[in-house]
Amino acid sequence: HTPRGLHLHADPHRLRQVADNLLGN
C-alpha cells in the first residue's frame, strides 16, 4: 500500500538494503 511516489533525500542503495532485510526476514 503506497502512493504513486514518496520522494525524499536519501541513499537509495542503503534504503534498498533496509527493504531487503525487512522483507527477507
PDB file of all heavy atoms in Angstrom:
ATOM      1  N   HIS A   1       0.868  -1.190   0.000  1.00  0.00           N
ATOM      2  CA  HIS A   1       0.000   0.000   0.000  1.00  0.00           C
ATOM      3  C   HIS A   1       0.899   1.233   0.000  1.00  0.00           C
ATOM      4  O   HIS A   1       1.431   1.636   1.037  1.00  0.00           O
ATOM      5  CB  HIS A   1      -0.906   0.018   1.230  1.00  0.00           C
ATOM      6  CG  HIS A   1      -1.857  -1.143   1.313  1.00  0.00           C
ATOM      7  ND1 HIS A   1      -2.901  -1.312   0.429  1.00  0.00           N
ATOM      8  CD2 HIS A   1      -1.912  -2.187   2.164  1.00  0.00           C
ATOM      9  CE1 HIS A   1      -3.557  -2.410   0.739  1.00  0.00           C
ATOM     10  NE2 HIS A   1      -2.979  -2.972   1.787  1.00  0.00           N
ATOM     11  N   THR A   2       1.093   1.822  -1.158  1.00  0.00           N
ATOM     12  CA  THR A   2       1.904   3.036  -1.267  1.00  0.00           C
ATOM     13  C   THR A   2       1.268   3.959  -2.294  1.00  0.00           C
ATOM     14  O   THR A   2       0.548   3.504  -3.199  1.00  0.00           O
ATOM     15  CB  THR A   2       3.343   2.720  -1.720  1.00  0.00           C
ATOM     16  OG1 THR A   2       3.293   2.089  -3.008  1.00  0.00           O
ATOM     17  CG2 THR A   2       4.047   1.810  -0.724  1.00  0.00           C
ATOM     18  N   PRO A   3       1.522   5.243  -2.186  1.00  0.00           N
ATOM     19  CA  PRO A   3       1.060   6.166  -3.238  1.00  0.00           C
ATOM     20  C   PRO A   3       1.932   6.010  -4.480  1.00  0.00           C
ATOM     21  O   PRO A   3       2.799   5.132  -4.544  1.00  0.00           O
ATOM     22  CB  PRO A   3       1.229   7.537  -2.586  1.00  0.00           C
ATOM     23  CG  PRO A   3       2.320   7.341  -1.588  1.00  0.00           C
ATOM     24  CD  PRO A   3       2.191   5.942  -1.073  1.00  0.00           C
ATOM     25  N   ARG A   4       1.707   6.828  -5.441  1.00  0.00           N
ATOM     26  CA  ARG A   4       2.480   6.716  -6.691  1.00  0.00           C
ATOM     27  C   ARG A   4       3.944   7.086  -6.500  1.00  0.00           C
ATOM     28  O   ARG A   4       4.810   6.616  -7.247  1.00  0.00           O
ATOM     29  CB  ARG A   4       1.859   7.622  -7.761  1.00  0.00           C
ATOM     30  CG  ARG A   4       0.503   7.119  -8.242  1.00  0.00           C
ATOM     31  CD  ARG A   4       0.019   7.961  -9.412  1.00  0.00           C
ATOM     32  NE  ARG A   4      -1.244   7.454  -9.946  1.00  0.00           N
ATOM     33  CZ  ARG A   4      -1.885   7.980 -10.985  1.00  0.00           C
ATOM     34  NH1 ARG A   4      -1.361   9.050 -11.605  1.00  0.00           N
ATOM     35  NH2 ARG A   4      -3.011   7.461 -11.406  1.00  0.00           N
ATOM     36  N   GLY A   5       4.210   7.895  -5.536  1.00  0.00           N
ATOM     37  CA  GLY A   5       5.602   8.284  -5.302  1.00  0.00           C
ATOM     38  C   GLY A   5       5.758   8.901  -3.921  1.00  0.00           C
ATOM     39  O   GLY A   5       4.874   9.625  -3.448  1.00  0.00           O
ATOM     40  N   LEU A   6       6.859   8.560  -3.256  1.00  0.00           N
ATOM     41  CA  LEU A   6       7.209   9.169  -1.976  1.00  0.00           C
ATOM     42  C   LEU A   6       8.664   9.616  -2.093  1.00  0.00           C
ATOM     43  O   LEU A   6       9.588   8.808  -2.032  1.00  0.00           O
ATOM     44  CB  LEU A   6       7.062   8.164  -0.823  1.00  0.00           C
ATOM     45  CG  LEU A   6       5.644   7.882  -0.334  1.00  0.00           C
ATOM     46  CD1 LEU A   6       5.662   6.755   0.698  1.00  0.00           C
ATOM     47  CD2 LEU A   6       5.021   9.133   0.276  1.00  0.00           C
ATOM     48  N   HIS A   7       8.847  10.904  -2.288  1.00  0.00           N
ATOM     49  CA  HIS A   7      10.171  11.429  -2.591  1.00  0.00           C
ATOM     50  C   HIS A   7      10.842  11.973  -1.330  1.00  0.00           C
ATOM     51  O   HIS A   7      10.232  12.703  -0.545  1.00  0.00           O
ATOM     52  CB  HIS A   7      10.073  12.525  -3.659  1.00  0.00           C
ATOM     53  CG  HIS A   7       9.506  12.009  -4.961  1.00  0.00           C
ATOM     54  ND1 HIS A   7      10.255  11.295  -5.872  1.00  0.00           N
ATOM     55  CD2 HIS A   7       8.244  12.090  -5.482  1.00  0.00           C
ATOM     56  CE1 HIS A   7       9.496  10.962  -6.907  1.00  0.00           C
ATOM     57  NE2 HIS A   7       8.277  11.434  -6.693  1.00  0.00           N
ATOM     58  N   LEU A   8      12.077  11.602  -1.165  1.00  0.00           N
ATOM     59  CA  LEU A   8      12.870  12.082  -0.045  1.00  0.00           C
ATOM     60  C   LEU A   8      14.326  12.128  -0.470  1.00  0.00           C
ATOM     61  O   LEU A   8      14.692  11.591  -1.522  1.00  0.00           O
ATOM     62  CB  LEU A   8      12.702  11.196   1.185  1.00  0.00           C
ATOM     63  CG  LEU A   8      13.349   9.791   1.174  1.00  0.00           C
ATOM     64  CD1 LEU A   8      13.405   9.254   2.593  1.00  0.00           C
ATOM     65  CD2 LEU A   8      12.607   8.822   0.283  1.00  0.00           C
ATOM     66  N   HIS A   9      15.139  12.764   0.352  1.00  0.00           N
ATOM     67  CA  HIS A   9      16.573  12.859   0.064  1.00  0.00           C
ATOM     68  C   HIS A   9      17.266  11.794   0.903  1.00  0.00           C
ATOM     69  O   HIS A   9      17.400  11.931   2.127  1.00  0.00           O
ATOM     70  CB  HIS A   9      17.085  14.248   0.424  1.00  0.00           C
ATOM     71  CG  HIS A   9      18.365  14.592  -0.265  1.00  0.00           C
ATOM     72  ND1 HIS A   9      18.432  14.901  -1.607  1.00  0.00           N
ATOM     73  CD2 HIS A   9      19.646  14.671   0.196  1.00  0.00           C
ATOM     74  CE1 HIS A   9      19.671  15.176  -1.947  1.00  0.00           C
ATOM     75  NE2 HIS A   9      20.439  15.040  -0.864  1.00  0.00           N
ATOM     76  N   ALA A  10      17.687  10.691   0.266  1.00  0.00           N
ATOM     77  CA  ALA A  10      18.256   9.561   0.995  1.00  0.00           C
ATOM     78  C   ALA A  10      19.141   8.752   0.067  1.00  0.00           C
ATOM     79  O   ALA A  10      19.221   9.012  -1.138  1.00  0.00           O
ATOM     80  CB  ALA A  10      17.134   8.692   1.558  1.00  0.00           C
ATOM     81  N   ASP A  11      19.789   7.754   0.655  1.00  0.00           N
ATOM     82  CA  ASP A  11      20.640   6.849  -0.117  1.00  0.00           C
ATOM     83  C   ASP A  11      19.778   5.691  -0.607  1.00  0.00           C
ATOM     84  O   ASP A  11      19.377   4.836   0.193  1.00  0.00           O
ATOM     85  CB  ASP A  11      21.778   6.341   0.770  1.00  0.00           C
ATOM     86  CG  ASP A  11      22.789   5.505  -0.008  1.00  0.00           C
ATOM     87  OD1 ASP A  11      22.396   4.856  -1.000  1.00  0.00           O
ATOM     88  OD2 ASP A  11      23.970   5.491   0.387  1.00  0.00           O
ATOM     89  N   PRO A  12      19.466   5.610  -1.912  1.00  0.00           N
ATOM     90  CA  PRO A  12      18.569   4.559  -2.399  1.00  0.00           C
ATOM     91  C   PRO A  12      19.134   3.153  -2.213  1.00  0.00           C
ATOM     92  O   PRO A  12      18.384   2.204  -1.984  1.00  0.00           O
ATOM     93  CB  PRO A  12      18.398   4.904  -3.882  1.00  0.00           C
ATOM     94  CG  PRO A  12      19.595   5.722  -4.236  1.00  0.00           C
ATOM     95  CD  PRO A  12      19.946   6.478  -3.004  1.00  0.00           C
ATOM     96  N   HIS A  13      20.443   3.021  -2.298  1.00  0.00           N
ATOM     97  CA  HIS A  13      21.058   1.700  -2.143  1.00  0.00           C
ATOM     98  C   HIS A  13      20.948   1.216  -0.692  1.00  0.00           C
ATOM     99  O   HIS A  13      20.668   0.031  -0.449  1.00  0.00           O
ATOM    100  CB  HIS A  13      22.522   1.755  -2.581  1.00  0.00           C
ATOM    101  CG  HIS A  13      22.703   2.222  -3.998  1.00  0.00           C
ATOM    102  ND1 HIS A  13      22.296   1.475  -5.084  1.00  0.00           N
ATOM    103  CD2 HIS A  13      23.222   3.371  -4.505  1.00  0.00           C
ATOM    104  CE1 HIS A  13      22.564   2.131  -6.198  1.00  0.00           C
ATOM    105  NE2 HIS A  13      23.128   3.292  -5.871  1.00  0.00           N
ATOM    106  N   ARG A  14      21.142   2.127   0.249  1.00  0.00           N
ATOM    107  CA  ARG A  14      21.001   1.745   1.652  1.00  0.00           C
ATOM    108  C   ARG A  14      19.538   1.470   2.009  1.00  0.00           C
ATOM    109  O   ARG A  14      19.237   0.543   2.762  1.00  0.00           O
ATOM    110  CB  ARG A  14      21.580   2.839   2.561  1.00  0.00           C
ATOM    111  CG  ARG A  14      23.101   2.952   2.504  1.00  0.00           C
ATOM    112  CD  ARG A  14      23.764   1.668   2.944  1.00  0.00           C
ATOM    113  NE  ARG A  14      25.229   1.782   3.001  1.00  0.00           N
ATOM    114  CZ  ARG A  14      26.043   0.774   3.271  1.00  0.00           C
ATOM    115  NH1 ARG A  14      25.528  -0.438   3.482  1.00  0.00           N
ATOM    116  NH2 ARG A  14      27.341   0.939   3.290  1.00  0.00           N
ATOM    117  N   LEU A  15      18.610   2.262   1.462  1.00  0.00           N
ATOM    118  CA  LEU A  15      17.192   2.001   1.726  1.00  0.00           C
ATOM    119  C   LEU A  15      16.768   0.669   1.105  1.00  0.00           C
ATOM    120  O   LEU A  15      15.925  -0.045   1.657  1.00  0.00           O
ATOM    121  CB  LEU A  15      16.327   3.141   1.192  1.00  0.00           C
ATOM    122  CG  LEU A  15      16.454   4.485   1.920  1.00  0.00           C
ATOM    123  CD1 LEU A  15      15.384   5.448   1.419  1.00  0.00           C
ATOM    124  CD2 LEU A  15      16.346   4.320   3.429  1.00  0.00           C
ATOM    125  N   ARG A  16      17.339   0.323  -0.033  1.00  0.00           N
ATOM    126  CA  ARG A  16      17.059  -0.979  -0.630  1.00  0.00           C
ATOM    127  C   ARG A  16      17.581  -2.094   0.293  1.00  0.00           C
ATOM    128  O   ARG A  16      16.944  -3.149   0.440  1.00  0.00           O
ATOM    129  CB  ARG A  16      17.692  -1.078  -2.015  1.00  0.00           C
ATOM    130  CG  ARG A  16      17.604  -2.461  -2.654  1.00  0.00           C
ATOM    131  CD  ARG A  16      16.160  -2.910  -2.877  1.00  0.00           C
ATOM    132  NE  ARG A  16      16.125  -4.294  -3.302  1.00  0.00           N
ATOM    133  CZ  ARG A  16      16.202  -4.694  -4.574  1.00  0.00           C
ATOM    134  NH1 ARG A  16      16.322  -3.784  -5.547  1.00  0.00           N
ATOM    135  NH2 ARG A  16      16.141  -5.971  -4.868  1.00  0.00           N
ATOM    136  N   GLN A  17      18.714  -1.845   0.917  1.00  0.00           N
ATOM    137  CA  GLN A  17      19.256  -2.816   1.870  1.00  0.00           C
ATOM    138  C   GLN A  17      18.294  -3.004   3.047  1.00  0.00           C
ATOM    139  O   GLN A  17      18.070  -4.129   3.501  1.00  0.00           O
ATOM    140  CB  GLN A  17      20.622  -2.327   2.365  1.00  0.00           C
ATOM    141  CG  GLN A  17      21.448  -3.374   3.073  1.00  0.00           C
ATOM    142  CD  GLN A  17      22.844  -2.849   3.393  1.00  0.00           C
ATOM    143  OE1 GLN A  17      23.251  -1.774   2.953  1.00  0.00           O
ATOM    144  NE2 GLN A  17      23.595  -3.629   4.166  1.00  0.00           N
ATOM    145  N   VAL A  18      17.711  -1.903   3.525  1.00  0.00           N
ATOM    146  CA  VAL A  18      16.718  -1.975   4.601  1.00  0.00           C
ATOM    147  C   VAL A  18      15.501  -2.769   4.135  1.00  0.00           C
ATOM    148  O   VAL A  18      15.003  -3.661   4.839  1.00  0.00           O
ATOM    149  CB  VAL A  18      16.303  -0.557   5.047  1.00  0.00           C
ATOM    150  CG1 VAL A  18      15.089  -0.617   5.978  1.00  0.00           C
ATOM    151  CG2 VAL A  18      17.470   0.151   5.730  1.00  0.00           C
ATOM    152  N   ALA A  19      15.007  -2.445   2.937  1.00  0.00           N
ATOM    153  CA  ALA A  19      13.835  -3.133   2.398  1.00  0.00           C
ATOM    154  C   ALA A  19      14.106  -4.627   2.239  1.00  0.00           C
ATOM    155  O   ALA A  19      13.261  -5.470   2.579  1.00  0.00           O
ATOM    156  CB  ALA A  19      13.438  -2.509   1.063  1.00  0.00           C
ATOM    157  N   ASP A  20      15.287  -4.969   1.737  1.00  0.00           N
ATOM    158  CA  ASP A  20      15.633  -6.379   1.558  1.00  0.00           C
ATOM    159  C   ASP A  20      15.697  -7.110   2.896  1.00  0.00           C
ATOM    160  O   ASP A  20      15.214  -8.245   3.031  1.00  0.00           O
ATOM    161  CB  ASP A  20      16.987  -6.502   0.844  1.00  0.00           C
ATOM    162  CG  ASP A  20      16.896  -6.151  -0.638  1.00  0.00           C
ATOM    163  OD1 ASP A  20      15.762  -6.026  -1.145  1.00  0.00           O
ATOM    164  OD2 ASP A  20      17.956  -5.999  -1.271  1.00  0.00           O
ATOM    165  N   ASN A  21      16.298  -6.467   3.906  1.00  0.00           N
ATOM    166  CA  ASN A  21      16.398  -7.100   5.224  1.00  0.00           C
ATOM    167  C   ASN A  21      15.030  -7.358   5.830  1.00  0.00           C
ATOM    168  O   ASN A  21      14.747  -8.447   6.337  1.00  0.00           O
ATOM    169  CB  ASN A  21      17.231  -6.228   6.168  1.00  0.00           C
ATOM    170  CG  ASN A  21      18.719  -6.392   5.957  1.00  0.00           C
ATOM    171  OD1 ASN A  21      19.175  -7.426   5.464  1.00  0.00           O
ATOM    172  ND2 ASN A  21      19.491  -5.378   6.319  1.00  0.00           N
ATOM    173  N   LEU A  22      14.160  -6.341   5.785  1.00  0.00           N
ATOM    174  CA  LEU A  22      12.851  -6.474   6.427  1.00  0.00           C
ATOM    175  C   LEU A  22      11.943  -7.450   5.679  1.00  0.00           C
ATOM    176  O   LEU A  22      11.290  -8.298   6.293  1.00  0.00           O
ATOM    177  CB  LEU A  22      12.182  -5.101   6.550  1.00  0.00           C
ATOM    178  CG  LEU A  22      12.884  -4.102   7.484  1.00  0.00           C
ATOM    179  CD1 LEU A  22      12.106  -2.793   7.543  1.00  0.00           C
ATOM    180  CD2 LEU A  22      13.030  -4.683   8.886  1.00  0.00           C
ATOM    181  N   LEU A  23      11.895  -7.330   4.357  1.00  0.00           N
ATOM    182  CA  LEU A  23      11.050  -8.244   3.602  1.00  0.00           C
ATOM    183  C   LEU A  23      11.624  -9.666   3.639  1.00  0.00           C
ATOM    184  O   LEU A  23      10.878 -10.650   3.755  1.00  0.00           O
ATOM    185  CB  LEU A  23      10.906  -7.775   2.155  1.00  0.00           C
ATOM    186  CG  LEU A  23       9.997  -8.628   1.256  1.00  0.00           C
ATOM    187  CD1 LEU A  23       8.615  -8.791   1.872  1.00  0.00           C
ATOM    188  CD2 LEU A  23       9.898  -8.027  -0.140  1.00  0.00           C
ATOM    189  N   GLY A  24      12.952  -9.780   3.551  1.00  0.00           N
ATOM    190  CA  GLY A  24      13.572 -11.098   3.637  1.00  0.00           C
ATOM    191  C   GLY A  24      13.271 -11.775   4.963  1.00  0.00           C
ATOM    192  O   GLY A  24      12.965 -12.979   5.007  1.00  0.00           O
ATOM    193  N   ASN A  25      13.346 -11.009   6.068  1.00  0.00           N
ATOM    194  CA  ASN A  25      13.005 -11.568   7.384  1.00  0.00           C
ATOM    195  C   ASN A  25      11.535 -11.962   7.453  1.00  0.00           C
ATOM    196  O   ASN A  25      11.185 -13.020   7.999  1.00  0.00           O
ATOM    197  CB  ASN A  25      13.310 -10.555   8.487  1.00  0.00           C
ATOM    198  CG  ASN A  25      14.779 -10.502   8.837  1.00  0.00           C
ATOM    199  OD1 ASN A  25      15.554 -11.349   8.403  1.00  0.00           O
ATOM    200  ND2 ASN A  25      15.168  -9.503   9.617  1.00  0.00           N
TER     201      ASN A  25
END
